[in-house]
Each structure stands twice: as structure tokens, then as C-alpha cells.
Amino acid sequence: MKRITIAKGDGIGPEIMDATLKVLKATKADLAFDEVEIGEKVYLSGNTSGISNDAWDAIRRNKIFLKAPITTPQGGGYKSLNVTTRKTLNLFANVRPCRSFAPFIDTKHPEMDVVIIRENEEDLYAGIEHRQTDEVEQCLKLITRPGCEKIIKYAFEYAVANNRKRVTCFSKDNIMKQTDGLFRRVFNEIRAEYPQIESDHHIIDIASAKLANRPQDFDVIVTANLYGDIISDIAAEISGSVGLCGSSNIGEKCQMFEAIHGSAPDIAGKGIANPTGLLMAAVHMLNHIGFNQEAKTIEAAILKTIEDGLHTSDIYSEAHSKKKLTTSEFADAVISNFGQLPQQLSITSTGEENKPISFHQYKVKEHKKELVGVDVFLHHKDRDPNILGEALSKVKAGDLKLIMITNRGVKVWPNAHEETFSTDHWRCRFYADGNTVEKHLVIELLQNCLDAHFDVIKTENLYTFDGKRGFSLGQGQ
């Protein structure tokens, strides 16, 4: 017997989970379910994490977690439990297959069949934010080499295991040359290990437009966390409905399966929610844990139900639908179609054991790291960068001297343009002309800034790695 941890979640969560469990139990699969409560009720009870220690224990013990949508209360400093769960359990890969069900469900893209593999733990979703001045808030974008290697390697391994032909990387490395630049560099390194798989790269903005217009041109897409979150919802919606897609959150020790949509509180309790997304997530789960025949049975029955025109209200249309079903009625229709095959829609589950996907083992690479300067960030209310630059250029420490001031990333000193708008948040770059700097000089510099009555709010050391610059230039530098 395989034990599964489940959570019914919030909003429409209990309705679609009940429908999903009804279908799972009808397969007679040797499964047992341990229910935990997470989400809004737990938040509002005073637990700001949205999950109890007992729930964590059940998830970690069973290793497999089937989760309905949950609501994160707005305001009050609550962190997203979805993000916390993925990061705590090292669920580094979010896998979201998005396919059309034409001609039975309306879509402009009848040939669409794309899988989005999203890095799941870092990027802006690290959630490290600070208010630094009266006017400026900061969010740190963290991209790591281990994170890049793991997700990109997984994307190629997924393509091999699932007979996919091409992996495409989406990034914005033309602007974020350090963070997105690392993601693309690692992609280029790893793609060379898979000559049998076609591979290419697109800048995220035009790539998103192409995905929305011609999704059939893509096969497997690998990208960073925020980009993946956005484009997977776009892909799901243009396939026919976000209510149709499930997702897998894959880690080496634990896995979580969920629909990609939210808790939809506006329709909660009406019995009209589409359970297909969570059912498809359950299919992914069954395939993952080796219940492959049961997965094929459910997927085939879902597709047959869709072909029969038995649809929930979100996908119902006069042109393609024969009957509008409630959430529970849809589950009953799926069960009644057990053992039957769709006539036009293709089944992805084979009923046979999946090809294994190996996880990447990261090896630490040592580099020669040298300190060559420091960016000192100031809260300074005078908007004239020339006045600030003249005063701050008098502050020095050893070889460290002021070479540039930027505001919102744009160089404003020396040689500022009067059209450039400035806030009260200034990055002041002190550099030692490429010479190595002793760290005590950074402390000395900060003390000198404080003695001169400058409000220092943070610093970032400037390093070279094997002689290569490890920091961005200012815009206009």
C-alpha cells in the first residue's frame, strides 16, 4: 500500500479534491490517504506559516503530496505556503504540461502540446525584500549555479524520457547579464551533453509573444521561476482553460502534485468547478509512483468524457458540449468511462513504467575571488547628483575612491543628464582601479561615510572571479 498525504485546501479546493478522490478510489488502486489541513484556516488561526508541524511530518513521512489550491491571505505579512512548501522540500522542478483538446474544447491552437519546466526555488521568489528609503523598495533576484544546473539538466532528462525533440531556454540575459546570463551560460553548457535533443534560446519577452501566438512551435521550455509562473498560466489559458492543467513539483526526496489554478473563492460552494486540473495532477502522481495502469485508465476516461461533450461550465459551449455537468457529476462521468479509450485525443500515459529521470549531482567549482571595490547605497534626499558626487568624492579609504553614482541603475555622476529622474536611493561605486582591496578598507570607508554624515543603508562588495568582473556596470557607464 502506498500512503499519500492530501490537503483539500481553500475555495473550490474541497470540491475538486473530493471529486478527485472519488475517481482515485474507483480505480481500486492500493492507496491510502492521510489528510492534513493547510492554508487559510491555519493562517487565520494565528499560524503565520499556514501549516502545522504535524502536517509537515505527514508530508515528509509519505513523500507524496496531492494538494488542492490554497489561499494566501492578503496583507498581514503572510508568506505564500505554495512557495514555502516547494523550497522547504527542495521541489526544484515545476513541470506543467499544457495541451489543447481540440476540437472538443474551444482553442485557437488545436495543435498545442508544450511542457513548461520552471525552476521552483529561487529567482525573485526567494522573497527577500526590503524597504530602504522613503521612496524605494528592493527585491533580490537570486540565481545560483546549482539551481540552474539542476533544472536545466532535468529539462533535458525529461525530454529524453518522454520522447520530446526540443528544449528551449527562455531568459532575459540581454538585460540581466549576471543572473539571467548565468542561466543561459549553464544552458549552453548542458545542451552540449544532449546532441540528440534540439535546443535553442529565446529572449523572454518575444518568446512569450511567440508562445501565445504559435505554441505549436515549442516542445519543452525551461526557464526561471517568475518567467515560468507567468508563461505557464498563459499556455494553460490558451490551450482551452487553466482548469484543465495539472502540475508536478519534483524533488529528489519528496514530490507535490497540484492543479495550476488558484482557489477561485468566487465560485466556491457552487459545485461548478472543473476538477480536471487536479485529476490530471493525480494522473502525473500515479505515473510517478508506479501506478501506471491506473494513470492510463483515468487519463483515458477524462479524455473520453471530454470527447463525449460532458463538460463543466468553464469549458461548456453550445458548439461542442452536449451537457453541462457539476463537479461531482464530472467525476461520475469519468468513472463511468473507465476501460474506454478516446477516439481522437491522444493519451500520454502508456500504462507501463516510466523511464527513470536521473537527478543532477552538483560539484562545487572553486574560483579565485578578489575584492576590487564596493557599492555603497545611500539614503540621500538632495536630488542633485552633482552636489552629492562633489561631497562624497572627498570620502576615501586606501585605494578606494568614488568613480560613479547611479540612481535606479542609471549613471548620474559624473556627467549627469538633467533629464534623468532621481529618487532618494543612490548607488555609489568606490573602486580601486582594479587593485585588490583588503576588507578592512571597506569598514574604514563606511566609517568615513558615517563621519561625513551620509546615511549608508547597505553595501555590496565588488569581486572578480578568476580575473573576470562579477558585477554589472551602471547603465550609461
Protein backbone atom coordinates (compact mmCIF):
# COMPACT_ATOMS: atom_id res chain seq x y z
CA MET A 1 0.00 0.00 0.00
CA LYS A 2 1.20 3.48 -0.86
CA ARG A 3 0.24 6.27 1.54
CA ILE A 4 -0.47 9.70 0.06
CA THR A 5 -0.73 12.95 2.00
CA ILE A 6 -3.61 15.10 0.78
CA ALA A 7 -4.82 18.62 1.55
CA LYS A 8 -8.24 19.85 0.46
CA GLY A 9 -7.20 23.49 0.57
CA ASP A 10 -9.46 26.52 0.30
CA GLY A 11 -12.14 27.92 -2.00
CA ILE A 12 -13.02 25.27 -4.58
CA GLY A 13 -10.28 23.03 -3.20
CA PRO A 14 -12.50 20.72 -1.11
CA GLU A 15 -14.93 20.22 -4.03
CA ILE A 16 -12.34 19.29 -6.62
CA MET A 17 -10.36 17.17 -4.14
CA ASP A 18 -13.50 15.20 -3.23
CA ALA A 19 -14.13 14.60 -6.93
CA THR A 20 -10.52 13.54 -7.47
CA LEU A 21 -10.52 11.16 -4.51
CA LYS A 22 -13.76 9.62 -5.76
CA VAL A 23 -12.06 8.85 -9.08
CA LEU A 24 -8.85 7.60 -7.47
CA LYS A 25 -10.72 5.26 -5.14
CA ALA A 26 -12.80 3.92 -8.02
CA THR A 27 -9.64 2.55 -9.64
CA LYS A 28 -9.18 0.21 -6.64
CA ALA A 29 -5.53 1.22 -6.53
CA ASP A 30 -3.74 0.18 -3.35
CA LEU A 31 -3.59 3.70 -1.95
CA ALA A 32 -4.25 5.20 1.47
CA PHE A 33 -4.80 8.89 2.13
CA ASP A 34 -3.65 10.93 5.13
CA GLU A 35 -5.41 14.31 5.18
CA VAL A 36 -3.78 17.43 6.60
CA GLU A 37 -5.18 20.94 6.90
CA ILE A 38 -3.18 23.79 5.43
CA GLY A 39 -3.89 27.23 4.09
CA GLU A 40 -6.29 29.98 5.02
CA LYS A 41 -7.83 28.46 8.15
CA VAL A 42 -4.39 27.73 9.55
CA TYR A 43 -3.17 31.24 8.73
CA LEU A 44 -6.17 32.84 10.36
CA SER A 45 -5.84 30.67 13.47
CA GLY A 46 -2.62 32.54 14.20
CA ASN A 47 -0.09 30.28 12.45
CA THR A 48 1.60 32.67 10.04
CA SER A 49 3.22 29.84 8.06
CA GLY A 50 -0.16 28.30 7.11
CA ILE A 51 0.96 24.79 8.05
CA SER A 52 1.42 22.91 11.34
CA ASN A 53 4.35 20.73 12.38
CA ASP A 54 2.07 17.68 12.26
CA ALA A 55 1.23 18.43 8.64
CA TRP A 56 4.91 18.78 7.78
CA ASP A 57 5.56 15.42 9.43
CA ALA A 58 2.83 13.71 7.36
CA ILE A 59 4.11 15.18 4.10
CA ARG A 60 7.73 14.28 4.82
CA ARG A 61 6.81 10.78 6.01
CA ASN A 62 4.76 9.85 2.94
CA LYS A 63 6.96 11.76 0.44
CA ILE A 64 4.00 12.22 -1.95
CA PHE A 65 1.66 15.20 -1.51
CA LEU A 66 -1.55 15.76 -3.53
CA LYS A 67 -2.68 19.31 -2.84
CA ALA A 68 -5.78 21.28 -3.80
CA PRO A 69 -5.48 25.07 -4.26
CA ILE A 70 -4.94 27.18 -1.16
CA THR A 71 -5.44 30.87 -0.45
CA THR A 72 -2.74 33.11 0.96
CA PRO A 73 -4.47 35.93 2.88
CA GLN A 74 -3.55 39.34 1.50
CA GLY A 75 -1.69 41.66 3.83
CA GLY A 76 -0.52 40.87 7.32
CA GLY A 77 2.91 39.66 6.22
CA TYR A 78 1.81 36.13 5.32
CA LYS A 79 4.26 34.26 3.11
CA SER A 80 2.98 32.05 0.31
CA LEU A 81 2.70 28.47 1.56
CA ASN A 82 2.97 27.23 -2.03
CA VAL A 83 6.43 28.80 -2.31
CA THR A 84 7.42 27.73 1.20
CA THR A 85 6.47 24.10 0.53
CA ARG A 86 8.41 23.95 -2.72
CA LYS A 87 11.53 25.43 -1.15
CA THR A 88 11.38 23.56 2.15
CA LEU A 89 11.06 20.18 0.42
CA ASN A 90 13.57 21.03 -2.32
CA LEU A 91 10.92 20.64 -5.03
CA PHE A 92 13.19 22.30 -7.55
CA ALA A 93 11.34 21.39 -10.77
CA ASN A 94 7.81 22.50 -11.60
CA VAL A 95 6.52 20.56 -14.60
CA ARG A 96 3.40 21.89 -16.35
CA PRO A 97 2.18 20.12 -19.49
CA CYS A 98 -0.25 22.29 -21.47
CA ARG A 99 -2.08 20.72 -24.40
CA SER A 100 -5.20 21.54 -26.36
CA PHE A 101 -8.25 19.29 -26.51
CA ALA A 102 -9.46 20.43 -29.91
CA PRO A 103 -11.97 20.12 -31.43
CA PHE A 104 -13.87 19.35 -28.23
CA ILE A 105 -12.82 22.44 -26.27
CA ASP A 106 -12.51 25.88 -27.85
CA THR A 107 -8.96 26.99 -28.57
CA LYS A 108 -7.17 28.95 -31.27
CA HIS A 109 -4.30 26.45 -31.08
CA PRO A 110 -5.55 22.94 -31.92
CA GLU A 111 -2.02 21.50 -32.29
CA MET A 112 -0.67 22.77 -28.99
CA ASP A 113 1.34 20.34 -26.82
CA VAL A 114 4.02 22.10 -24.78
CA VAL A 115 5.66 21.29 -21.45
CA ILE A 116 6.97 24.15 -19.31
CA ILE A 117 9.67 23.21 -16.82
CA ARG A 118 10.10 26.02 -14.33
CA GLU A 119 12.83 26.45 -11.74
CA ASN A 120 10.91 26.32 -8.50
CA GLU A 121 13.05 27.58 -5.61
CA GLU A 122 14.95 30.76 -6.30
CA ASP A 123 14.90 33.85 -8.58
CA LEU A 124 12.67 36.68 -7.28
CA TYR A 125 10.60 34.06 -5.46
CA ALA A 126 13.33 33.90 -2.83
CA GLY A 127 11.06 36.59 -1.40
CA ILE A 128 13.88 38.70 0.05
CA GLU A 129 12.56 42.26 0.07
CA HIS A 130 13.44 45.43 1.95
CA ARG A 131 12.24 48.99 2.17
CA GLN A 132 15.43 51.03 2.00
CA THR A 133 14.38 54.67 1.79
CA ASP A 134 11.23 56.80 1.86
CA GLU A 135 10.76 56.05 -1.84
CA VAL A 136 12.46 52.76 -2.71
CA GLU A 137 11.66 49.09 -2.11
CA GLN A 138 14.07 46.31 -3.10
CA CYS A 139 13.58 42.67 -4.11
CA LEU A 140 16.65 40.46 -4.53
CA LYS A 141 16.83 38.23 -7.59
CA LEU A 142 18.92 35.20 -6.64
CA ILE A 143 20.08 32.83 -9.38
CA THR A 144 22.54 30.09 -8.38
CA ARG A 145 24.68 27.81 -10.47
CA PRO A 146 23.45 24.69 -8.62
CA GLY A 147 19.85 25.77 -9.21
CA CYS A 148 20.49 26.39 -12.92
CA GLU A 149 22.31 23.10 -13.39
CA LYS A 150 19.61 21.08 -11.63
CA ILE A 151 16.64 22.49 -13.54
CA ILE A 152 18.27 22.58 -16.97
CA LYS A 153 19.65 19.05 -16.60
CA TYR A 154 16.18 17.91 -15.51
CA ALA A 155 14.59 19.52 -18.59
CA PHE A 156 16.86 17.60 -20.95
CA GLU A 157 16.40 14.37 -18.99
CA TYR A 158 12.62 14.89 -19.15
CA ALA A 159 12.82 15.39 -22.91
CA VAL A 160 14.76 12.15 -23.32
CA ALA A 161 12.46 10.14 -21.03
CA ASN A 162 9.31 11.42 -22.72
CA ASN A 163 10.46 11.26 -26.34
CA ARG A 164 10.44 15.03 -26.75
CA LYS A 165 12.51 16.51 -29.54
CA ARG A 166 13.50 20.01 -28.45
CA VAL A 167 14.30 22.03 -25.33
CA THR A 168 14.07 25.83 -25.48
CA CYS A 169 15.51 28.20 -22.89
CA PHE A 170 13.72 31.48 -22.09
CA SER A 171 15.74 34.22 -20.34
CA LYS A 172 16.41 37.97 -20.31
CA ASP A 173 20.19 37.77 -20.43
CA ASN A 174 20.49 40.81 -22.69
CA ILE A 175 19.49 42.98 -19.70
CA MET A 176 20.25 40.92 -16.57
CA LYS A 177 23.67 39.80 -17.68
CA GLN A 178 24.76 38.36 -14.32
CA THR A 179 21.65 36.44 -13.21
CA ASP A 180 19.89 35.51 -16.44
CA GLY A 181 23.30 35.44 -18.04
CA LEU A 182 24.26 32.60 -15.70
CA PHE A 183 21.06 30.72 -16.56
CA ARG A 184 21.82 30.89 -20.27
CA ARG A 185 25.50 30.04 -19.86
CA VAL A 186 24.60 26.90 -17.93
CA PHE A 187 22.01 26.05 -20.60
CA ASN A 188 24.70 26.29 -23.27
CA GLU A 189 27.00 24.03 -21.24
CA ILE A 190 24.39 21.35 -20.63
CA ARG A 191 22.83 21.35 -24.10
CA ALA A 192 26.17 20.11 -25.44
CA GLU A 193 25.66 16.90 -23.43
CA TYR A 194 22.45 16.08 -25.36
CA PRO A 195 23.26 16.23 -29.08
CA GLN A 196 20.20 14.06 -29.81
CA ILE A 197 17.89 16.81 -28.50
CA GLU A 198 17.40 20.00 -30.49
CA SER A 199 17.91 23.12 -28.37
CA ASP A 200 17.63 26.87 -28.72
CA HIS A 201 17.24 30.08 -26.74
CA HIS A 202 14.79 32.99 -26.88
CA ILE A 203 14.57 36.30 -25.02
CA ILE A 204 11.60 36.01 -22.66
CA ASP A 205 9.54 38.94 -23.95
CA ILE A 206 9.35 38.00 -27.63
CA ALA A 207 9.33 34.32 -26.65
CA SER A 208 6.17 34.87 -24.59
CA ALA A 209 4.54 36.57 -27.55
CA LYS A 210 5.51 33.68 -29.81
CA LEU A 211 4.23 31.17 -27.26
CA ALA A 212 0.87 32.93 -27.11
CA ASN A 213 0.63 33.15 -30.89
CA ARG A 214 2.19 29.86 -32.06
CA PRO A 215 2.54 27.46 -29.11
CA GLN A 216 2.83 24.55 -31.52
CA ASP A 217 6.34 25.80 -32.36
CA PHE A 218 7.54 24.83 -28.87
CA ASP A 219 8.06 21.46 -27.23
CA VAL A 220 9.80 21.64 -23.83
CA ILE A 221 10.54 25.08 -22.35
CA VAL A 222 12.93 25.58 -19.42
CA THR A 223 13.06 28.90 -17.63
CA ALA A 224 13.49 30.70 -14.32
CA ASN A 225 10.87 30.86 -11.59
CA LEU A 226 8.94 34.08 -12.28
CA TYR A 227 9.02 33.69 -16.06
CA GLY A 228 7.83 30.10 -15.74
CA ASP A 229 4.97 31.07 -13.45
CA ILE A 230 3.71 33.66 -15.95
CA ILE A 231 4.12 31.74 -19.18
CA SER A 232 2.66 28.50 -17.82
CA ASP A 233 -0.58 30.31 -16.98
CA ILE A 234 -0.57 31.87 -20.44
CA ALA A 235 -0.01 28.47 -22.02
CA ALA A 236 -2.72 26.83 -19.92
CA GLU A 237 -5.28 29.51 -20.73
CA ILE A 238 -4.69 29.49 -24.50
CA SER A 239 -4.87 25.68 -24.52
CA GLY A 240 -8.53 25.99 -23.56
CA SER A 241 -8.72 26.71 -19.83
CA VAL A 242 -6.45 26.91 -16.80
CA GLY A 243 -8.88 24.43 -15.26
CA LEU A 244 -7.55 21.65 -17.47
CA CYS A 245 -3.89 21.54 -16.46
CA GLY A 246 -2.14 19.79 -13.60
CA SER A 247 1.42 20.21 -12.46
CA SER A 248 4.15 18.24 -10.74
CA ASN A 249 6.65 19.65 -8.26
CA ILE A 250 9.62 17.31 -8.30
CA GLY A 251 12.39 16.90 -5.75
CA GLU A 252 14.84 14.13 -5.00
CA LYS A 253 13.04 13.01 -1.83
CA CYS A 254 9.51 14.45 -1.99
CA GLN A 255 7.03 15.35 -4.71
CA MET A 256 3.91 17.51 -4.74
CA PHE A 257 1.10 17.38 -7.31
CA GLU A 258 -1.49 20.11 -7.81
CA ALA A 259 -3.71 21.92 -10.30
CA ILE A 260 -2.10 25.06 -11.66
CA HIS A 261 -5.08 27.32 -10.94
CA GLY A 262 -5.95 29.10 -7.72
CA SER A 263 -8.67 28.63 -5.13
CA ALA A 264 -11.34 30.64 -7.03
CA PRO A 265 -13.31 31.75 -3.96
CA ASP A 266 -15.90 33.47 -6.17
CA ILE A 267 -17.32 30.10 -7.27
CA ALA A 268 -16.59 28.10 -4.11
CA GLY A 269 -19.52 26.08 -2.82
CA LYS A 270 -21.48 26.26 -6.08
CA GLY A 271 -20.46 22.80 -7.27
CA ILE A 272 -19.45 24.07 -10.71
CA ALA A 273 -15.63 23.95 -10.50
CA ASN A 274 -13.75 21.90 -13.07
CA PRO A 275 -11.77 19.11 -11.33
CA THR A 276 -9.78 18.22 -14.48
CA GLY A 277 -6.62 20.10 -13.42
CA LEU A 278 -6.39 18.23 -10.12
CA LEU A 279 -7.36 14.96 -11.82
CA MET A 280 -4.53 15.45 -14.31
CA ALA A 281 -2.18 16.18 -11.41
CA ALA A 282 -3.32 12.88 -9.87
CA VAL A 283 -2.52 11.14 -13.16
CA HIS A 284 1.00 12.60 -13.00
CA MET A 285 1.26 11.39 -9.42
CA LEU A 286 0.16 7.85 -10.26
CA ASN A 287 2.68 7.62 -13.07
CA HIS A 288 5.39 8.92 -10.76
CA ILE A 289 4.76 6.32 -8.04
CA GLY A 290 4.42 3.40 -10.44
CA PHE A 291 0.62 3.03 -10.66
CA ASN A 292 0.87 3.40 -14.41
CA GLN A 293 -2.15 1.35 -15.45
CA GLU A 294 -4.41 3.30 -13.08
CA ALA A 295 -2.97 6.54 -14.50
CA LYS A 296 -3.76 5.42 -18.04
CA THR A 297 -7.28 4.38 -17.03
CA ILE A 298 -8.06 7.79 -15.51
CA GLU A 299 -6.47 9.83 -18.29
CA ALA A 300 -8.26 7.84 -20.99
CA ALA A 301 -11.58 8.25 -19.16
CA ILE A 302 -11.07 12.01 -18.77
CA LEU A 303 -10.37 12.37 -22.48
CA LYS A 304 -13.35 10.17 -23.40
CA THR A 305 -15.60 12.30 -21.17
CA ILE A 306 -14.36 15.45 -22.89
CA GLU A 307 -14.93 13.86 -26.32
CA ASP A 308 -18.46 12.92 -25.26
CA GLY A 309 -19.24 16.61 -24.74
CA LEU A 310 -19.77 16.23 -21.00
CA HIS A 311 -18.27 19.46 -19.73
CA THR A 312 -18.22 21.68 -16.66
CA SER A 313 -19.39 25.26 -17.07
CA ASP A 314 -15.93 26.80 -17.64
CA ILE A 315 -15.44 24.87 -20.89
CA TYR A 316 -19.09 24.46 -21.90
CA SER A 317 -20.06 25.79 -25.32
CA GLU A 318 -23.11 25.33 -27.49
CA ALA A 319 -20.90 24.29 -30.39
CA HIS A 320 -19.00 21.47 -28.68
CA SER A 321 -20.81 20.47 -25.49
CA LYS A 322 -23.76 18.13 -25.03
CA LYS A 323 -24.36 18.50 -21.30
CA LYS A 324 -23.22 20.85 -18.55
CA LEU A 325 -22.02 18.90 -15.51
CA THR A 326 -21.38 19.78 -11.89
CA THR A 327 -18.05 18.98 -10.28
CA SER A 328 -19.33 15.73 -8.80
CA GLU A 329 -21.17 14.74 -11.99
CA PHE A 330 -17.96 15.16 -13.98
CA ALA A 331 -16.18 12.75 -11.63
CA ASP A 332 -19.04 10.25 -12.04
CA ALA A 333 -18.82 10.56 -15.82
CA VAL A 334 -15.08 9.86 -15.71
CA ILE A 335 -15.64 6.75 -13.60
CA SER A 336 -18.35 5.51 -15.97
CA ASN A 337 -15.82 5.75 -18.81
CA PHE A 338 -13.22 3.54 -17.11
CA GLY A 339 -11.99 0.97 -19.62
CA GLN A 340 -12.89 3.07 -22.65
CA LEU A 341 -10.48 4.89 -24.94
CA PRO A 342 -10.83 8.30 -26.58
CA GLN A 343 -11.25 8.23 -30.35
CA GLN A 344 -9.32 11.39 -31.28
CA LEU A 345 -7.47 12.75 -28.27
CA SER A 346 -4.13 11.10 -27.55
CA ILE A 347 -3.26 9.50 -24.21
CA THR A 348 0.14 10.40 -22.77
CA SER A 349 0.14 7.69 -20.09
CA THR A 350 1.36 4.39 -21.53
CA GLY A 351 0.30 2.11 -18.72
CA GLU A 352 3.92 0.99 -18.49
CA GLU A 353 6.65 2.03 -16.09
CA ASN A 354 8.07 5.43 -16.93
CA LYS A 355 11.65 5.83 -18.00
CA PRO A 356 13.66 6.98 -14.96
CA ILE A 357 14.88 10.57 -14.83
CA SER A 358 18.25 10.97 -13.14
CA PHE A 359 18.94 13.94 -10.88
CA HIS A 360 21.95 16.16 -11.41
CA GLN A 361 24.69 15.96 -8.79
CA TYR A 362 26.29 19.37 -8.40
CA LYS A 363 30.04 19.62 -7.92
CA VAL A 364 31.48 22.72 -6.26
CA LYS A 365 33.83 24.65 -8.54
CA GLU A 366 36.48 26.82 -6.88
CA HIS A 367 37.41 30.22 -8.33
CA LYS A 368 39.99 32.84 -7.44
CA LYS A 369 37.91 35.56 -5.79
CA GLU A 370 39.35 39.05 -5.29
CA LEU A 371 37.78 42.16 -3.77
CA VAL A 372 38.26 45.21 -6.04
CA GLY A 373 35.68 47.69 -4.78
CA VAL A 374 32.37 48.26 -3.03
CA ASP A 375 28.98 49.74 -3.90
CA VAL A 376 27.73 51.90 -1.05
CA PHE A 377 23.99 52.61 -1.11
CA LEU A 378 22.82 55.85 0.44
CA HIS A 379 19.53 57.36 1.53
CA HIS A 380 20.11 60.95 0.42
CA LYS A 381 17.30 63.46 -0.04
CA ASP A 382 19.08 66.12 -2.12
CA ARG A 383 18.15 65.31 -5.75
CA ASP A 384 21.20 66.97 -7.32
CA PRO A 385 23.73 64.20 -8.11
CA ASN A 386 26.49 66.75 -8.75
CA ILE A 387 26.26 68.08 -5.20
CA LEU A 388 26.26 64.53 -3.84
CA GLY A 389 29.18 63.50 -6.05
CA GLU A 390 31.28 66.51 -5.08
CA ALA A 391 30.76 65.87 -1.37
CA LEU A 392 31.12 62.09 -1.49
CA SER A 393 34.25 62.14 -3.67
CA LYS A 394 36.08 63.55 -0.66
CA VAL A 395 35.47 60.31 1.22
CA LYS A 396 38.19 57.70 0.58
CA ALA A 397 39.87 54.70 2.16
CA GLY A 398 43.21 53.44 0.87
CA ASP A 399 42.90 52.95 -2.91
CA LEU A 400 39.09 53.08 -2.76
CA LYS A 401 37.72 56.21 -4.39
CA LEU A 402 34.36 57.22 -5.83
CA ILE A 403 34.12 56.56 -9.58
CA MET A 404 30.38 56.54 -10.24
CA ILE A 405 26.94 57.23 -8.78
CA THR A 406 23.80 55.65 -10.19
CA ASN A 407 20.14 56.15 -9.41
CA ARG A 408 17.74 53.31 -10.26
CA GLY A 409 20.69 51.77 -12.14
CA VAL A 410 21.37 54.79 -14.40
CA LYS A 411 24.68 56.65 -14.13
CA VAL A 412 24.03 60.17 -12.85
CA TRP A 413 27.56 61.18 -11.78
CA PRO A 414 29.90 62.18 -13.25
CA ASN A 415 28.42 63.84 -16.35
CA ALA A 416 24.75 63.61 -15.40
CA HIS A 417 21.97 64.46 -17.86
CA GLU A 418 19.46 66.92 -16.48
CA GLU A 419 16.55 64.90 -17.91
CA THR A 420 17.32 61.87 -15.75
CA PHE A 421 14.90 61.48 -12.83
CA SER A 422 16.40 60.60 -9.46
CA THR A 423 14.90 59.24 -6.25
CA ASP A 424 16.40 59.30 -2.74
CA HIS A 425 18.23 55.98 -3.27
CA TRP A 426 21.81 56.22 -4.60
CA ARG A 427 24.37 53.56 -5.52
CA CYS A 428 27.84 54.95 -5.06
CA ARG A 429 30.66 52.87 -6.52
CA PHE A 430 34.05 53.00 -4.86
CA TYR A 431 36.75 51.29 -6.90
CA ALA A 432 40.47 50.65 -6.56
CA ASP A 433 41.42 50.80 -10.23
CA GLY A 434 41.47 47.02 -10.48
CA ASN A 435 43.75 46.56 -7.48
CA THR A 436 42.90 44.03 -4.79
CA VAL A 437 41.34 45.62 -1.71
CA GLU A 438 41.75 44.49 1.87
CA LYS A 439 38.36 44.04 3.54
CA HIS A 440 39.22 46.29 6.46
CA LEU A 441 39.28 49.18 3.97
CA VAL A 442 35.55 48.66 3.33
CA ILE A 443 34.91 49.08 7.06
CA GLU A 444 37.13 52.15 7.09
CA LEU A 445 35.26 53.59 4.11
CA LEU A 446 31.90 53.07 5.78
CA GLN A 447 33.11 54.77 8.94
CA ASN A 448 34.34 57.69 6.88
CA CYS A 449 30.92 57.92 5.19
CA LEU A 450 29.19 57.94 8.57
CA ASP A 451 31.64 60.55 9.91
CA ALA A 452 30.70 62.72 6.92
CA HIS A 453 27.01 62.29 7.87
CA PHE A 454 25.96 60.10 4.94
CA ASP A 455 23.11 57.66 5.62
CA VAL A 456 24.51 54.29 4.49
CA ILE A 457 21.71 51.71 4.06
CA LYS A 458 23.59 48.76 2.53
CA THR A 459 26.75 47.72 0.72
CA GLU A 460 27.64 45.21 -1.98
CA ASN A 461 31.25 44.13 -2.34
CA LEU A 462 32.63 44.07 -5.87
CA TYR A 463 34.57 40.92 -6.74
CA THR A 464 36.38 39.43 -9.67
CA PHE A 465 36.37 35.66 -10.18
CA ASP A 466 39.40 34.28 -11.97
CA GLY A 467 40.02 37.85 -13.08
CA LYS A 468 36.55 38.31 -14.61
CA ARG A 469 34.21 41.01 -13.38
CA GLY A 470 31.48 39.64 -11.14
CA PHE A 471 29.24 42.71 -11.07
CA SER A 472 27.22 44.76 -13.52
CA LEU A 473 28.17 48.11 -14.96
CA GLY A 474 25.92 51.09 -14.43
CA GLN A 475 23.55 51.90 -17.26
CA GLY A 476 25.41 54.56 -19.23
CA GLN A 477 28.79 53.74 -17.66
